[in-house]
Amino acid sequence: MISKHWRRFWMHYAGINRFGRLSTWLASLFLPTYYSRVFLSRMNSKGYVSPKAILSHPSIGLGKNIFVDDGVMIYQDRDGGSVELGDEVKLFRETIIQTGQSGSIKVGSVTHIQPRCQLSAYKSTISIGRRVEIAPYCAFYPYNHGMVVGQPIRTQPLQSKGGITIEDDAWLSVGVIVLDGVRIGKGAVVGAGAVVTKDIPANSISSGVPARVIKMRNSS
């Protein structure tokens, strides 16, 4: 059985370069995958970046003690802006983060993004606050396609009503979709499967397609 000393030794050298990835792999050897590896991110201020994650982005800012799981992809498309991950951010498996056409992404400290989420910042920004909880299969699109008749949708230019802002301590349930020009207020809760097309007030609970406020958290 591999000891804690072994893991601590190799995590001392962890990082996103080739040797750092090798060290991370050795530290996680024989450990189960997924949540069982989160504690490794606390052993090095550079955090845990899985050797199976793909970081194809030259403008990534990584905070301290981050966790980037297997299959996560961070990708820069043409003219894409930066991606900034705050301290102790956790990105779980197969989440995709991409920027293009001057879009950028910022994720605040201690925010958790669960498996298979999609953050596609084209034309505008995605700004996620601190301690935000994002359940699996959520998607963020701060843009839309033009829909002029007589021209294929895929060839039409992207349009945006503005960026997406998720304020501190919000909670998005499974499968929430957030569209351009939307702000979700501090401490708001968005129910599973909701499509958010308009601002959601702080400390509210909303659900539906499109999402509507159904009550406030401080009400009985």
C-alpha atoms as a PDB file:
ATOM      1  CA  MET A   1       0.000   0.000   0.000  1.00  0.00           C
ATOM      2  CA  ILE A   2       1.393   3.374  -0.980  1.00  0.00           C
ATOM      3  CA  SER A   3       1.892   5.602   2.029  1.00  0.00           C
ATOM      4  CA  LYS A   4       0.940   9.210   2.596  1.00  0.00           C
ATOM      5  CA  HIS A   5       4.661   9.992   2.536  1.00  0.00           C
ATOM      6  CA  TRP A   6       4.857   8.711  -1.065  1.00  0.00           C
ATOM      7  CA  ARG A   7       1.937  10.875  -2.153  1.00  0.00           C
ATOM      8  CA  ARG A   8       3.222  13.919  -0.327  1.00  0.00           C
ATOM      9  CA  PHE A   9       6.672  13.453  -1.855  1.00  0.00           C
ATOM     10  CA  TRP A  10       5.408  13.333  -5.429  1.00  0.00           C
ATOM     11  CA  MET A  11       2.809  16.077  -4.946  1.00  0.00           C
ATOM     12  CA  HIS A  12       5.679  18.332  -3.904  1.00  0.00           C
ATOM     13  CA  TYR A  13       6.695  18.300  -7.599  1.00  0.00           C
ATOM     14  CA  ALA A  14       3.183  18.520  -9.071  1.00  0.00           C
ATOM     15  CA  GLY A  15       2.459  21.088 -11.782  1.00  0.00           C
ATOM     16  CA  ILE A  16       1.215  21.452 -15.336  1.00  0.00           C
ATOM     17  CA  ASN A  17       4.531  20.829 -17.094  1.00  0.00           C
ATOM     18  CA  ARG A  18       5.535  17.333 -18.215  1.00  0.00           C
ATOM     19  CA  PHE A  19       7.410  16.413 -15.057  1.00  0.00           C
ATOM     20  CA  GLY A  20       4.679  17.905 -12.892  1.00  0.00           C
ATOM     21  CA  ARG A  21       2.058  15.766 -14.648  1.00  0.00           C
ATOM     22  CA  LEU A  22       4.226  12.669 -14.148  1.00  0.00           C
ATOM     23  CA  SER A  23       4.594  13.509 -10.464  1.00  0.00           C
ATOM     24  CA  THR A  24       0.828  13.935 -10.135  1.00  0.00           C
ATOM     25  CA  TRP A  25       0.282  10.543 -11.744  1.00  0.00           C
ATOM     26  CA  LEU A  26       2.734   8.883  -9.365  1.00  0.00           C
ATOM     27  CA  ALA A  27       1.089  10.559  -6.373  1.00  0.00           C
ATOM     28  CA  SER A  28      -2.327   9.235  -7.412  1.00  0.00           C
ATOM     29  CA  LEU A  29      -1.088   5.735  -8.221  1.00  0.00           C
ATOM     30  CA  PHE A  30      -3.483   3.108  -6.841  1.00  0.00           C
ATOM     31  CA  LEU A  31      -5.852   5.755  -5.514  1.00  0.00           C
ATOM     32  CA  PRO A  32      -9.474   5.448  -6.665  1.00  0.00           C
ATOM     33  CA  THR A  33     -10.546   8.180  -9.085  1.00  0.00           C
ATOM     34  CA  TYR A  34     -12.927  11.099  -8.681  1.00  0.00           C
ATOM     35  CA  TYR A  35     -13.593  12.586  -5.215  1.00  0.00           C
ATOM     36  CA  SER A  36     -11.027  10.332  -3.563  1.00  0.00           C
ATOM     37  CA  ARG A  37      -8.231  12.387  -5.155  1.00  0.00           C
ATOM     38  CA  VAL A  38      -9.429  15.826  -4.063  1.00  0.00           C
ATOM     39  CA  PHE A  39      -7.269  15.753  -0.908  1.00  0.00           C
ATOM     40  CA  LEU A  40      -4.137  15.661  -3.109  1.00  0.00           C
ATOM     41  CA  SER A  41      -4.870  19.241  -4.197  1.00  0.00           C
ATOM     42  CA  ARG A  42      -4.223  20.366  -0.630  1.00  0.00           C
ATOM     43  CA  MET A  43      -0.694  18.932  -0.611  1.00  0.00           C
ATOM     44  CA  ASN A  44       0.725  21.512  -3.033  1.00  0.00           C
ATOM     45  CA  SER A  45      -0.225  25.122  -3.696  1.00  0.00           C
ATOM     46  CA  LYS A  46      -0.133  24.250  -7.423  1.00  0.00           C
ATOM     47  CA  GLY A  47      -2.995  21.863  -6.738  1.00  0.00           C
ATOM     48  CA  TYR A  48      -3.909  18.662  -8.541  1.00  0.00           C
ATOM     49  CA  VAL A  49      -4.198  18.725 -12.338  1.00  0.00           C
ATOM     50  CA  SER A  50      -4.963  15.261 -13.666  1.00  0.00           C
ATOM     51  CA  PRO A  51      -2.581  13.863 -16.292  1.00  0.00           C
ATOM     52  CA  LYS A  52      -5.771  13.052 -18.223  1.00  0.00           C
ATOM     53  CA  ALA A  53      -6.917  16.700 -18.290  1.00  0.00           C
ATOM     54  CA  ILE A  54      -6.282  18.686 -21.496  1.00  0.00           C
ATOM     55  CA  LEU A  55      -5.032  22.245 -21.070  1.00  0.00           C
ATOM     56  CA  SER A  56      -4.891  23.652 -24.597  1.00  0.00           C
ATOM     57  CA  HIS A  57      -4.965  27.316 -23.651  1.00  0.00           C
ATOM     58  CA  PRO A  58      -1.964  29.692 -23.392  1.00  0.00           C
ATOM     59  CA  SER A  59      -3.727  32.191 -21.120  1.00  0.00           C
ATOM     60  CA  ILE A  60      -4.722  30.195 -18.032  1.00  0.00           C
ATOM     61  CA  GLY A  61      -4.376  31.686 -14.565  1.00  0.00           C
ATOM     62  CA  LEU A  62      -4.463  28.998 -11.880  1.00  0.00           C
ATOM     63  CA  GLY A  63      -5.076  29.819  -8.224  1.00  0.00           C
ATOM     64  CA  LYS A  64      -3.729  27.854  -5.284  1.00  0.00           C
ATOM     65  CA  ASN A  65      -4.796  24.293  -4.456  1.00  0.00           C
ATOM     66  CA  ILE A  66      -7.074  23.843  -7.464  1.00  0.00           C
ATOM     67  CA  PHE A  67      -8.433  20.447  -8.481  1.00  0.00           C
ATOM     68  CA  VAL A  68      -8.773  19.584 -12.190  1.00  0.00           C
ATOM     69  CA  ASP A  69     -10.203  16.101 -12.744  1.00  0.00           C
ATOM     70  CA  ASP A  70      -9.832  13.469 -15.478  1.00  0.00           C
ATOM     71  CA  GLY A  71     -11.149  14.500 -18.881  1.00  0.00           C
ATOM     72  CA  VAL A  72     -11.472  18.214 -18.133  1.00  0.00           C
ATOM     73  CA  MET A  73     -10.641  20.354 -21.175  1.00  0.00           C
ATOM     74  CA  ILE A  74      -9.638  24.021 -21.125  1.00  0.00           C
ATOM     75  CA  TYR A  75      -9.394  25.252 -24.712  1.00  0.00           C
ATOM     76  CA  GLN A  76      -8.695  28.537 -26.474  1.00  0.00           C
ATOM     77  CA  ASP A  77     -10.397  29.025 -29.839  1.00  0.00           C
ATOM     78  CA  ARG A  78      -9.499  31.826 -32.255  1.00  0.00           C
ATOM     79  CA  ASP A  79      -9.133  35.217 -30.512  1.00  0.00           C
ATOM     80  CA  GLY A  80     -10.188  33.703 -27.204  1.00  0.00           C
ATOM     81  CA  GLY A  81      -9.507  35.578 -23.996  1.00  0.00           C
ATOM     82  CA  SER A  82      -8.160  34.360 -20.692  1.00  0.00           C
ATOM     83  CA  VAL A  83      -9.355  31.720 -18.245  1.00  0.00           C
ATOM     84  CA  GLU A  84      -8.805  32.470 -14.546  1.00  0.00           C
ATOM     85  CA  LEU A  85      -9.449  29.920 -11.819  1.00  0.00           C
ATOM     86  CA  GLY A  86      -9.376  31.144  -8.214  1.00  0.00           C
ATOM     87  CA  ASP A  87      -7.957  29.362  -5.191  1.00  0.00           C
ATOM     88  CA  GLU A  88      -9.447  25.940  -4.396  1.00  0.00           C
ATOM     89  CA  VAL A  89     -11.628  25.819  -7.501  1.00  0.00           C
ATOM     90  CA  LYS A  90     -12.655  22.268  -8.355  1.00  0.00           C
ATOM     91  CA  LEU A  91     -13.441  21.178 -11.912  1.00  0.00           C
ATOM     92  CA  PHE A  92     -14.785  17.638 -12.059  1.00  0.00           C
ATOM     93  CA  ARG A  93     -14.524  15.183 -14.894  1.00  0.00           C
ATOM     94  CA  GLU A  94     -15.270  15.967 -18.525  1.00  0.00           C
ATOM     95  CA  THR A  95     -16.156  19.596 -17.916  1.00  0.00           C
ATOM     96  CA  ILE A  96     -15.278  21.768 -20.926  1.00  0.00           C
ATOM     97  CA  ILE A  97     -14.148  25.376 -20.598  1.00  0.00           C
ATOM     98  CA  GLN A  98     -13.483  27.289 -23.816  1.00  0.00           C
ATOM     99  CA  THR A  99     -13.004  30.878 -24.945  1.00  0.00           C
ATOM    100  CA  GLY A 100     -13.198  32.454 -28.396  1.00  0.00           C
ATOM    101  CA  GLN A 101     -13.893  35.752 -30.162  1.00  0.00           C
ATOM    102  CA  SER A 102     -12.694  37.886 -27.211  1.00  0.00           C
ATOM    103  CA  GLY A 103     -14.703  35.947 -24.638  1.00  0.00           C
ATOM    104  CA  SER A 104     -13.132  35.222 -21.264  1.00  0.00           C
ATOM    105  CA  ILE A 105     -13.928  33.190 -18.147  1.00  0.00           C
ATOM    106  CA  LYS A 106     -13.283  33.889 -14.474  1.00  0.00           C
ATOM    107  CA  VAL A 107     -14.176  31.452 -11.694  1.00  0.00           C
ATOM    108  CA  GLY A 108     -13.981  32.639  -8.087  1.00  0.00           C
ATOM    109  CA  SER A 109     -12.361  30.824  -5.187  1.00  0.00           C
ATOM    110  CA  VAL A 110     -13.850  27.661  -3.631  1.00  0.00           C
ATOM    111  CA  THR A 111     -16.324  27.242  -6.496  1.00  0.00           C
ATOM    112  CA  HIS A 112     -17.162  23.663  -7.493  1.00  0.00           C
ATOM    113  CA  ILE A 113     -18.171  22.700 -11.037  1.00  0.00           C
ATOM    114  CA  GLN A 114     -19.452  19.132 -11.201  1.00  0.00           C
ATOM    115  CA  PRO A 115     -19.071  16.685 -14.128  1.00  0.00           C
ATOM    116  CA  ARG A 116     -19.860  17.391 -17.776  1.00  0.00           C
ATOM    117  CA  CYS A 117     -20.582  21.090 -17.554  1.00  0.00           C
ATOM    118  CA  GLN A 118     -19.959  23.355 -20.549  1.00  0.00           C
ATOM    119  CA  LEU A 119     -18.682  26.932 -20.285  1.00  0.00           C
ATOM    120  CA  SER A 120     -18.342  28.505 -23.746  1.00  0.00           C
ATOM    121  CA  ALA A 121     -17.344  32.173 -23.565  1.00  0.00           C
ATOM    122  CA  TYR A 122     -17.621  33.626 -27.064  1.00  0.00           C
ATOM    123  CA  LYS A 123     -18.214  37.342 -27.706  1.00  0.00           C
ATOM    124  CA  SER A 124     -18.743  38.046 -23.972  1.00  0.00           C
ATOM    125  CA  THR A 125     -17.581  36.977 -20.541  1.00  0.00           C
ATOM    126  CA  ILE A 126     -18.576  34.329 -18.031  1.00  0.00           C
ATOM    127  CA  SER A 127     -17.901  35.514 -14.490  1.00  0.00           C
ATOM    128  CA  ILE A 128     -18.617  33.096 -11.639  1.00  0.00           C
ATOM    129  CA  GLY A 129     -18.238  34.236  -8.046  1.00  0.00           C
ATOM    130  CA  ARG A 130     -16.926  32.576  -4.915  1.00  0.00           C
ATOM    131  CA  ARG A 131     -18.325  29.434  -3.282  1.00  0.00           C
ATOM    132  CA  VAL A 132     -20.712  28.803  -6.164  1.00  0.00           C
ATOM    133  CA  GLU A 133     -22.014  25.239  -6.482  1.00  0.00           C
ATOM    134  CA  ILE A 134     -22.726  24.086 -10.028  1.00  0.00           C
ATOM    135  CA  ALA A 135     -24.280  20.632 -10.475  1.00  0.00           C
ATOM    136  CA  PRO A 136     -23.577  18.255 -13.408  1.00  0.00           C
ATOM    137  CA  TYR A 137     -24.629  19.016 -16.989  1.00  0.00           C
ATOM    138  CA  CYS A 138     -24.991  22.782 -16.566  1.00  0.00           C
ATOM    139  CA  ALA A 139     -24.219  24.968 -19.599  1.00  0.00           C
ATOM    140  CA  PHE A 140     -23.293  28.628 -19.991  1.00  0.00           C
ATOM    141  CA  TYR A 141     -23.606  30.428 -23.350  1.00  0.00           C
ATOM    142  CA  PRO A 142     -23.121  34.225 -23.384  1.00  0.00           C
ATOM    143  CA  TYR A 143     -23.860  34.347 -27.129  1.00  0.00           C
ATOM    144  CA  ASN A 144     -26.298  33.222 -29.793  1.00  0.00           C
ATOM    145  CA  HIS A 145     -26.237  32.646 -33.549  1.00  0.00           C
ATOM    146  CA  GLY A 146     -27.775  34.983 -36.078  1.00  0.00           C
ATOM    147  CA  MET A 147     -30.959  33.581 -37.607  1.00  0.00           C
ATOM    148  CA  VAL A 148     -31.403  35.440 -40.880  1.00  0.00           C
ATOM    149  CA  VAL A 149     -33.561  33.483 -43.319  1.00  0.00           C
ATOM    150  CA  GLY A 150     -31.793  31.992 -46.329  1.00  0.00           C
ATOM    151  CA  GLN A 151     -28.424  31.468 -44.667  1.00  0.00           C
ATOM    152  CA  PRO A 152     -27.314  28.352 -42.772  1.00  0.00           C
ATOM    153  CA  ILE A 153     -27.261  28.989 -39.025  1.00  0.00           C
ATOM    154  CA  ARG A 154     -23.702  27.698 -38.690  1.00  0.00           C
ATOM    155  CA  THR A 155     -22.392  30.357 -41.103  1.00  0.00           C
ATOM    156  CA  GLN A 156     -24.068  33.315 -39.389  1.00  0.00           C
ATOM    157  CA  PRO A 157     -22.099  35.570 -37.029  1.00  0.00           C
ATOM    158  CA  LEU A 158     -22.408  35.169 -33.286  1.00  0.00           C
ATOM    159  CA  GLN A 159     -24.367  37.767 -31.325  1.00  0.00           C
ATOM    160  CA  SER A 160     -24.479  38.600 -27.627  1.00  0.00           C
ATOM    161  CA  LYS A 161     -26.704  40.596 -25.289  1.00  0.00           C
ATOM    162  CA  GLY A 162     -23.853  40.678 -22.785  1.00  0.00           C
ATOM    163  CA  GLY A 163     -21.929  38.456 -20.437  1.00  0.00           C
ATOM    164  CA  ILE A 164     -23.088  35.997 -17.796  1.00  0.00           C
ATOM    165  CA  THR A 165     -22.519  36.794 -14.117  1.00  0.00           C
ATOM    166  CA  ILE A 166     -23.091  34.318 -11.298  1.00  0.00           C
ATOM    167  CA  GLU A 167     -22.664  36.010  -7.927  1.00  0.00           C
ATOM    168  CA  ASP A 168     -21.187  34.518  -4.755  1.00  0.00           C
ATOM    169  CA  ASP A 169     -22.834  31.544  -3.014  1.00  0.00           C
ATOM    170  CA  ALA A 170     -25.330  30.764  -5.779  1.00  0.00           C
ATOM    171  CA  TRP A 171     -26.390  27.154  -6.367  1.00  0.00           C
ATOM    172  CA  LEU A 172     -27.320  25.798  -9.796  1.00  0.00           C
ATOM    173  CA  SER A 173     -28.991  22.380  -9.856  1.00  0.00           C
ATOM    174  CA  VAL A 174     -28.566  19.647 -12.476  1.00  0.00           C
ATOM    175  CA  GLY A 175     -28.915  20.646 -16.118  1.00  0.00           C
ATOM    176  CA  VAL A 176     -29.371  24.406 -15.746  1.00  0.00           C
ATOM    177  CA  ILE A 177     -28.738  26.435 -18.922  1.00  0.00           C
ATOM    178  CA  VAL A 178     -27.724  30.095 -18.576  1.00  0.00           C
ATOM    179  CA  LEU A 179     -27.917  32.366 -21.627  1.00  0.00           C
ATOM    180  CA  ASP A 180     -26.394  35.711 -22.583  1.00  0.00           C
ATOM    181  CA  GLY A 181     -26.949  38.913 -20.670  1.00  0.00           C
ATOM    182  CA  VAL A 182     -27.995  37.186 -17.437  1.00  0.00           C
ATOM    183  CA  ARG A 183     -27.024  37.880 -13.819  1.00  0.00           C
ATOM    184  CA  ILE A 184     -27.830  35.348 -11.102  1.00  0.00           C
ATOM    185  CA  GLY A 185     -27.772  37.094  -7.729  1.00  0.00           C
ATOM    186  CA  LYS A 186     -25.883  36.247  -4.577  1.00  0.00           C
ATOM    187  CA  GLY A 187     -27.198  33.165  -2.792  1.00  0.00           C
ATOM    188  CA  ALA A 188     -29.795  32.397  -5.477  1.00  0.00           C
ATOM    189  CA  VAL A 189     -30.906  28.803  -6.094  1.00  0.00           C
ATOM    190  CA  VAL A 190     -31.870  27.665  -9.602  1.00  0.00           C
ATOM    191  CA  GLY A 191     -33.842  24.412  -9.911  1.00  0.00           C
ATOM    192  CA  ALA A 192     -32.945  21.448 -12.085  1.00  0.00           C
ATOM    193  CA  GLY A 193     -33.449  21.815 -15.830  1.00  0.00           C
ATOM    194  CA  ALA A 194     -34.172  25.545 -15.722  1.00  0.00           C
ATOM    195  CA  VAL A 195     -33.293  27.798 -18.666  1.00  0.00           C
ATOM    196  CA  VAL A 196     -32.225  31.190 -17.374  1.00  0.00           C
ATOM    197  CA  THR A 197     -32.961  33.977 -19.870  1.00  0.00           C
ATOM    198  CA  LYS A 198     -33.408  36.907 -17.455  1.00  0.00           C
ATOM    199  CA  ASP A 199     -31.783  38.111 -14.235  1.00  0.00           C
ATOM    200  CA  ILE A 200     -32.448  36.113 -11.074  1.00  0.00           C
ATOM    201  CA  PRO A 201     -32.597  38.121  -7.805  1.00  0.00           C
ATOM    202  CA  ALA A 202     -30.322  37.442  -4.852  1.00  0.00           C
ATOM    203  CA  ASN A 203     -31.531  34.826  -2.335  1.00  0.00           C
ATOM    204  CA  SER A 204     -34.387  33.715  -4.578  1.00  0.00           C
ATOM    205  CA  ILE A 205     -35.427  30.225  -5.668  1.00  0.00           C
ATOM    206  CA  SER A 206     -36.312  29.900  -9.332  1.00  0.00           C
ATOM    207  CA  SER A 207     -37.210  27.110 -11.731  1.00  0.00           C
ATOM    208  CA  GLY A 208     -38.819  26.408 -15.084  1.00  0.00           C
ATOM    209  CA  VAL A 209     -38.378  27.146 -18.778  1.00  0.00           C
ATOM    210  CA  PRO A 210     -37.842  30.035 -18.844  1.00  0.00           C
ATOM    211  CA  ALA A 211     -36.755  30.311 -15.210  1.00  0.00           C
ATOM    212  CA  ARG A 212     -39.083  32.278 -12.912  1.00  0.00           C
ATOM    213  CA  VAL A 213     -38.813  33.099  -9.214  1.00  0.00           C
ATOM    214  CA  ILE A 214     -41.080  30.831  -7.158  1.00  0.00           C
ATOM    215  CA  LYS A 215     -40.132  32.028  -3.665  1.00  0.00           C
ATOM    216  CA  MET A 216     -37.450  33.741  -1.614  1.00  0.00           C
ATOM    217  CA  ARG A 217     -35.093  31.752   0.591  1.00  0.00           C
ATOM    218  CA  ASN A 218     -35.943  33.818   3.664  1.00  0.00           C
ATOM    219  CA  SER A 219     -39.679  33.150   3.361  1.00  0.00           C
ATOM    220  CA  SER A 220     -41.476  30.286   5.130  1.00  0.00           C
END
